[in-house]
Amino acid sequence: MMSTVYRPEATLKETSPLLAGASVSKTASAKQTHPKRTVALVSLLIMFVAGSGSLLSAPQTRLVEDVLCHQFYENENENSYDRNTPIDEHMCKNAVIQSELAYIMGASDSVDAITGTLFWLPQSSH
């Protein structure tokens, strides 16, 4: 077993290799950062994340509307209603269904905002 002996007379620099026999290339030194490029990439990432969340809201709203529509017509046609029968979308545009849909989606957005704020507050104190 071979052991490495520390020699204080050897001059070490920041660019000196840590392992004996390793070479240091000129390109391995610290790279120059580009703040404008970093800001642009982070902004692009935020835009894609926010955009993907907004793309989810349309089908989510339609699914909730469909459930409310089925419940509404199930209550109106108690015995003659088949739960597996699709309901045409224009039949779901009445005031009762749309009012309840607006209430549910508003409550959902409020809960999202409150939980986001509650989880953000402990992080903001540091």
C-alpha atoms as a PDB file:
ATOM      1  CA  MET A   1       0.000   0.000   0.000  1.00  0.00           C
ATOM      2  CA  MET A   2       1.400   3.301  -1.082  1.00  0.00           C
ATOM      3  CA  SER A   3       0.985   6.380   1.100  1.00  0.00           C
ATOM      4  CA  THR A   4       1.234   9.987   0.023  1.00  0.00           C
ATOM      5  CA  VAL A   5       3.662  12.112   1.943  1.00  0.00           C
ATOM      6  CA  TYR A   6       2.922  15.787   2.460  1.00  0.00           C
ATOM      7  CA  ARG A   7       5.779  18.009   1.376  1.00  0.00           C
ATOM      8  CA  PRO A   8       5.537  21.598   2.609  1.00  0.00           C
ATOM      9  CA  GLU A   9       8.204  22.723   0.163  1.00  0.00           C
ATOM     10  CA  ALA A  10       5.923  21.996  -2.783  1.00  0.00           C
ATOM     11  CA  THR A  11       4.156  25.137  -3.885  1.00  0.00           C
ATOM     12  CA  LEU A  12       0.484  24.692  -4.488  1.00  0.00           C
ATOM     13  CA  LYS A  13      -1.714  27.097  -6.377  1.00  0.00           C
ATOM     14  CA  GLU A  14      -5.464  27.225  -6.844  1.00  0.00           C
ATOM     15  CA  THR A  15      -5.073  25.621 -10.240  1.00  0.00           C
ATOM     16  CA  SER A  16      -2.772  22.831  -9.016  1.00  0.00           C
ATOM     17  CA  PRO A  17      -4.260  19.340  -9.426  1.00  0.00           C
ATOM     18  CA  LEU A  18      -5.359  17.622  -6.235  1.00  0.00           C
ATOM     19  CA  LEU A  19      -4.230  14.214  -7.458  1.00  0.00           C
ATOM     20  CA  ALA A  20      -0.612  13.519  -8.312  1.00  0.00           C
ATOM     21  CA  GLY A  21      -0.070  13.087 -12.039  1.00  0.00           C
ATOM     22  CA  ALA A  22      -3.261  14.911 -13.060  1.00  0.00           C
ATOM     23  CA  SER A  23      -2.954  17.786 -15.468  1.00  0.00           C
ATOM     24  CA  VAL A  24      -4.810  21.057 -15.441  1.00  0.00           C
ATOM     25  CA  SER A  25      -6.143  22.380 -18.679  1.00  0.00           C
ATOM     26  CA  LYS A  26      -6.515  26.082 -19.294  1.00  0.00           C
ATOM     27  CA  THR A  27     -10.262  25.704 -19.901  1.00  0.00           C
ATOM     28  CA  ALA A  28     -10.856  24.085 -16.505  1.00  0.00           C
ATOM     29  CA  SER A  29     -10.454  27.423 -14.739  1.00  0.00           C
ATOM     30  CA  ALA A  30     -13.495  29.320 -13.512  1.00  0.00           C
ATOM     31  CA  LYS A  31     -15.851  30.178 -16.328  1.00  0.00           C
ATOM     32  CA  GLN A  32     -17.084  33.702 -16.815  1.00  0.00           C
ATOM     33  CA  THR A  33     -20.769  34.092 -15.996  1.00  0.00           C
ATOM     34  CA  HIS A  34     -23.179  36.141 -18.070  1.00  0.00           C
ATOM     35  CA  PRO A  35     -25.775  37.785 -15.793  1.00  0.00           C
ATOM     36  CA  LYS A  36     -28.050  38.856 -18.676  1.00  0.00           C
ATOM     37  CA  ARG A  37     -28.128  35.325 -20.041  1.00  0.00           C
ATOM     38  CA  THR A  38     -28.846  33.901 -16.578  1.00  0.00           C
ATOM     39  CA  VAL A  39     -31.717  36.346 -16.017  1.00  0.00           C
ATOM     40  CA  ALA A  40     -33.139  35.556 -19.466  1.00  0.00           C
ATOM     41  CA  LEU A  41     -33.015  31.794 -18.850  1.00  0.00           C
ATOM     42  CA  VAL A  42     -34.602  32.061 -15.395  1.00  0.00           C
ATOM     43  CA  SER A  43     -37.329  34.333 -16.811  1.00  0.00           C
ATOM     44  CA  LEU A  44     -38.005  31.838 -19.590  1.00  0.00           C
ATOM     45  CA  LEU A  45     -38.232  29.008 -17.067  1.00  0.00           C
ATOM     46  CA  ILE A  46     -40.709  30.969 -14.922  1.00  0.00           C
ATOM     47  CA  MET A  47     -42.778  31.761 -18.015  1.00  0.00           C
ATOM     48  CA  PHE A  48     -42.998  28.075 -18.979  1.00  0.00           C
ATOM     49  CA  VAL A  49     -43.917  26.970 -15.444  1.00  0.00           C
ATOM     50  CA  ALA A  50     -46.609  29.663 -15.112  1.00  0.00           C
ATOM     51  CA  GLY A  51     -47.902  28.931 -18.609  1.00  0.00           C
ATOM     52  CA  SER A  52     -48.205  25.225 -17.961  1.00  0.00           C
ATOM     53  CA  GLY A  53     -50.308  25.937 -14.880  1.00  0.00           C
ATOM     54  CA  SER A  54     -52.683  28.165 -16.840  1.00  0.00           C
ATOM     55  CA  LEU A  55     -53.068  25.525 -19.556  1.00  0.00           C
ATOM     56  CA  LEU A  56     -54.364  23.155 -16.906  1.00  0.00           C
ATOM     57  CA  SER A  57     -57.181  25.464 -15.795  1.00  0.00           C
ATOM     58  CA  ALA A  58     -59.375  25.091 -18.929  1.00  0.00           C
ATOM     59  CA  PRO A  59     -59.778  21.290 -18.799  1.00  0.00           C
ATOM     60  CA  GLN A  60     -60.058  21.406 -15.011  1.00  0.00           C
ATOM     61  CA  THR A  61     -62.902  23.909 -15.255  1.00  0.00           C
ATOM     62  CA  ARG A  62     -64.655  21.796 -17.885  1.00  0.00           C
ATOM     63  CA  LEU A  63     -64.392  18.660 -15.735  1.00  0.00           C
ATOM     64  CA  VAL A  64     -65.882  20.432 -12.717  1.00  0.00           C
ATOM     65  CA  GLU A  65     -68.619  21.870 -14.943  1.00  0.00           C
ATOM     66  CA  ASP A  66     -69.403  18.412 -16.284  1.00  0.00           C
ATOM     67  CA  VAL A  67     -69.747  16.973 -12.770  1.00  0.00           C
ATOM     68  CA  LEU A  68     -72.008  19.854 -11.718  1.00  0.00           C
ATOM     69  CA  CYS A  69     -74.074  19.445 -14.878  1.00  0.00           C
ATOM     70  CA  HIS A  70     -74.569  15.730 -14.246  1.00  0.00           C
ATOM     71  CA  GLN A  71     -75.590  16.444 -10.648  1.00  0.00           C
ATOM     72  CA  PHE A  72     -78.025  19.138 -11.756  1.00  0.00           C
ATOM     73  CA  TYR A  73     -79.793  16.955 -14.323  1.00  0.00           C
ATOM     74  CA  GLU A  74     -79.721  13.965 -12.000  1.00  0.00           C
ATOM     75  CA  ASN A  75     -81.671  15.983  -9.434  1.00  0.00           C
ATOM     76  CA  GLU A  76     -84.148  17.267 -12.046  1.00  0.00           C
ATOM     77  CA  ASN A  77     -84.806  13.861 -13.653  1.00  0.00           C
ATOM     78  CA  GLU A  78     -84.631  11.660 -10.592  1.00  0.00           C
ATOM     79  CA  ASN A  79     -85.590   8.266 -12.045  1.00  0.00           C
ATOM     80  CA  SER A  80     -85.112   8.704 -15.778  1.00  0.00           C
ATOM     81  CA  TYR A  81     -81.516   9.915 -15.639  1.00  0.00           C
ATOM     82  CA  ASP A  82     -78.633   7.637 -16.649  1.00  0.00           C
ATOM     83  CA  ARG A  83     -75.331   8.699 -15.063  1.00  0.00           C
ATOM     84  CA  ASN A  84     -73.286   7.309 -17.984  1.00  0.00           C
ATOM     85  CA  THR A  85     -75.164   9.341 -20.588  1.00  0.00           C
ATOM     86  CA  PRO A  86     -73.093  12.252 -21.868  1.00  0.00           C
ATOM     87  CA  ILE A  87     -74.663  15.693 -21.541  1.00  0.00           C
ATOM     88  CA  ASP A  88     -74.201  18.240 -24.307  1.00  0.00           C
ATOM     89  CA  GLU A  89     -71.986  21.119 -23.175  1.00  0.00           C
ATOM     90  CA  HIS A  90     -74.457  23.873 -24.108  1.00  0.00           C
ATOM     91  CA  MET A  91     -76.975  22.368 -21.635  1.00  0.00           C
ATOM     92  CA  CYS A  92     -74.466  23.089 -18.832  1.00  0.00           C
ATOM     93  CA  LYS A  93     -74.473  26.839 -19.481  1.00  0.00           C
ATOM     94  CA  ASN A  94     -77.518  27.680 -17.360  1.00  0.00           C
ATOM     95  CA  ALA A  95     -77.247  30.166 -14.485  1.00  0.00           C
ATOM     96  CA  VAL A  96     -77.512  27.630 -11.648  1.00  0.00           C
ATOM     97  CA  ILE A  97     -74.634  25.468 -12.884  1.00  0.00           C
ATOM     98  CA  GLN A  98     -72.437  28.444 -13.856  1.00  0.00           C
ATOM     99  CA  SER A  99     -73.013  30.120 -10.496  1.00  0.00           C
ATOM    100  CA  GLU A 100     -71.948  27.034  -8.596  1.00  0.00           C
ATOM    101  CA  LEU A 101     -68.987  26.555 -10.959  1.00  0.00           C
ATOM    102  CA  ALA A 102     -67.821  30.125 -10.339  1.00  0.00           C
ATOM    103  CA  TYR A 103     -68.113  29.608  -6.587  1.00  0.00           C
ATOM    104  CA  ILE A 104     -66.110  26.350  -6.648  1.00  0.00           C
ATOM    105  CA  MET A 105     -63.385  27.704  -8.930  1.00  0.00           C
ATOM    106  CA  GLY A 106     -63.119  30.900  -6.847  1.00  0.00           C
ATOM    107  CA  ALA A 107     -62.856  28.888  -3.646  1.00  0.00           C
ATOM    108  CA  SER A 108     -60.218  26.661  -5.252  1.00  0.00           C
ATOM    109  CA  ASP A 109     -58.147  29.681  -6.321  1.00  0.00           C
ATOM    110  CA  SER A 110     -58.456  31.161  -2.822  1.00  0.00           C
ATOM    111  CA  VAL A 111     -57.281  27.940  -1.173  1.00  0.00           C
ATOM    112  CA  ASP A 112     -54.352  27.782  -3.608  1.00  0.00           C
ATOM    113  CA  ALA A 113     -53.368  31.363  -2.778  1.00  0.00           C
ATOM    114  CA  ILE A 114     -53.672  30.838   0.982  1.00  0.00           C
ATOM    115  CA  THR A 115     -51.627  27.630   1.006  1.00  0.00           C
ATOM    116  CA  GLY A 116     -49.002  29.208  -1.239  1.00  0.00           C
ATOM    117  CA  THR A 117     -48.729  32.162   1.134  1.00  0.00           C
ATOM    118  CA  LEU A 118     -48.562  29.954   4.230  1.00  0.00           C
ATOM    119  CA  PHE A 119     -45.759  27.863   2.772  1.00  0.00           C
ATOM    120  CA  TRP A 120     -43.935  30.974   1.549  1.00  0.00           C
ATOM    121  CA  LEU A 121     -43.988  32.847   4.887  1.00  0.00           C
ATOM    122  CA  PRO A 122     -41.513  30.572   6.764  1.00  0.00           C
ATOM    123  CA  GLN A 123     -39.106  30.804   3.824  1.00  0.00           C
ATOM    124  CA  SER A 124     -39.274  34.601   3.709  1.00  0.00           C
ATOM    125  CA  SER A 125     -37.974  35.002   7.269  1.00  0.00           C
ATOM    126  CA  HIS A 126     -34.517  33.705   6.351  1.00  0.00           C
END
